[in-house]
Amino acid sequence: MKLDSGRLAIALGGTTAILWIVCSALVALFSGAMMTMSGHMLHMDATAFAWTLTLPGFLVGLVSWTICAAFAGWLIGWIYNTTGGSNERA
């Protein structure tokens, strides 16, 4: 079975865009709690840091992460298909 690299790219790009929007909304609404959680996720004390959430930054992040994720999805599909990724039995 071959993967449809284009559909995988769209799926990963779309998923990343949704997660970016949700994450940005959580940062905007609950900045303190999100900073604490981020610190825990990175095994560090992040209380000395502050979020910088602007509309241009949000849009640049949304577009760039979506493009990167879509490319990664396409690349995964291409590599899978190129290396003979098939589980079909004769």
Protein backbone atom coordinates (compact mmCIF):
# COMPACT_ATOMS: atom_id res chain seq x y z
CA MET A 1 0.00 0.00 0.00
CA LYS A 2 1.34 3.39 -0.96
CA LEU A 3 0.69 6.56 1.01
CA ASP A 4 -0.84 9.56 -0.73
CA SER A 5 1.90 12.07 0.11
CA GLY A 6 -0.26 15.05 -0.83
CA ARG A 7 -3.12 14.04 1.45
CA LEU A 8 -0.70 13.28 4.28
CA ALA A 9 0.85 16.73 3.82
CA ILE A 10 -2.56 18.41 3.99
CA ALA A 11 -3.54 16.37 7.06
CA LEU A 12 -0.37 17.20 8.98
CA GLY A 13 -0.43 20.85 7.91
CA GLY A 14 -4.09 21.20 8.89
CA THR A 15 -3.56 19.48 12.23
CA THR A 16 -0.61 21.72 13.00
CA ALA A 17 -2.62 24.84 12.11
CA ILE A 18 -5.44 23.79 14.45
CA LEU A 19 -3.01 23.03 17.28
CA TRP A 20 -1.25 26.40 16.76
CA ILE A 21 -4.57 28.25 17.00
CA VAL A 22 -5.62 26.36 20.14
CA CYS A 23 -2.22 26.85 21.78
CA SER A 24 -2.20 30.57 20.97
CA ALA A 25 -5.71 30.97 22.37
CA LEU A 26 -4.68 29.21 25.57
CA VAL A 27 -1.63 31.48 25.90
CA ALA A 28 -3.81 34.54 25.37
CA LEU A 29 -6.41 33.40 27.91
CA PHE A 30 -4.26 31.67 30.54
CA SER A 31 -0.75 33.02 30.07
CA GLY A 32 0.47 32.25 33.60
CA ALA A 33 -0.76 28.68 33.61
CA MET A 34 0.61 28.06 30.12
CA MET A 35 4.03 29.44 31.13
CA THR A 36 4.08 27.12 34.14
CA MET A 37 3.07 24.15 31.99
CA SER A 38 5.70 25.02 29.37
CA GLY A 39 8.33 25.19 32.08
CA HIS A 40 7.34 21.74 33.31
CA MET A 41 7.44 20.36 29.77
CA LEU A 42 10.97 21.75 29.27
CA HIS A 43 12.20 20.76 32.76
CA MET A 44 13.02 24.35 33.65
CA ASP A 45 11.84 27.31 35.68
CA ALA A 46 10.14 29.51 33.09
CA THR A 47 8.75 32.06 35.53
CA ALA A 48 11.39 34.61 34.50
CA PHE A 49 10.13 34.54 30.91
CA ALA A 50 7.14 36.30 29.40
CA TRP A 51 4.96 35.53 26.39
CA THR A 52 5.04 37.86 23.42
CA LEU A 53 1.84 37.20 21.54
CA THR A 54 1.13 39.65 18.73
CA LEU A 55 -1.07 39.29 15.66
CA PRO A 56 1.89 39.38 13.23
CA GLY A 57 3.76 36.82 15.36
CA PHE A 58 0.68 34.62 15.51
CA LEU A 59 0.25 34.75 11.73
CA VAL A 60 3.94 34.15 10.96
CA GLY A 61 3.98 31.18 13.34
CA LEU A 62 0.74 29.80 11.91
CA VAL A 63 1.96 29.96 8.31
CA SER A 64 5.52 28.80 8.95
CA TRP A 65 4.62 25.86 11.21
CA THR A 66 1.84 24.80 8.85
CA ILE A 67 4.20 24.83 5.86
CA CYS A 68 6.91 22.96 7.79
CA ALA A 69 4.45 20.31 8.97
CA ALA A 70 2.96 19.90 5.50
CA PHE A 71 6.42 19.48 4.01
CA ALA A 72 7.30 16.94 6.70
CA GLY A 73 4.11 15.01 5.89
CA TRP A 74 4.92 15.00 2.20
CA LEU A 75 8.51 13.94 2.91
CA ILE A 76 7.38 11.09 5.18
CA GLY A 77 5.02 9.86 2.47
CA TRP A 78 7.68 10.16 -0.24
CA ILE A 79 10.30 8.32 1.82
CA TYR A 80 7.80 5.62 2.79
CA ASN A 81 6.76 5.09 -0.82
CA THR A 82 10.34 5.24 -2.14
CA THR A 83 11.64 2.66 0.29
CA GLY A 84 9.01 0.17 -0.77
CA GLY A 85 6.68 0.74 2.16
CA SER A 86 4.19 -1.97 1.42
CA ASN A 87 2.63 -4.62 3.61
CA GLU A 88 0.65 -6.24 0.80
CA ARG A 89 0.99 -9.98 0.47
CA ALA A 90 0.66 -11.86 -2.81
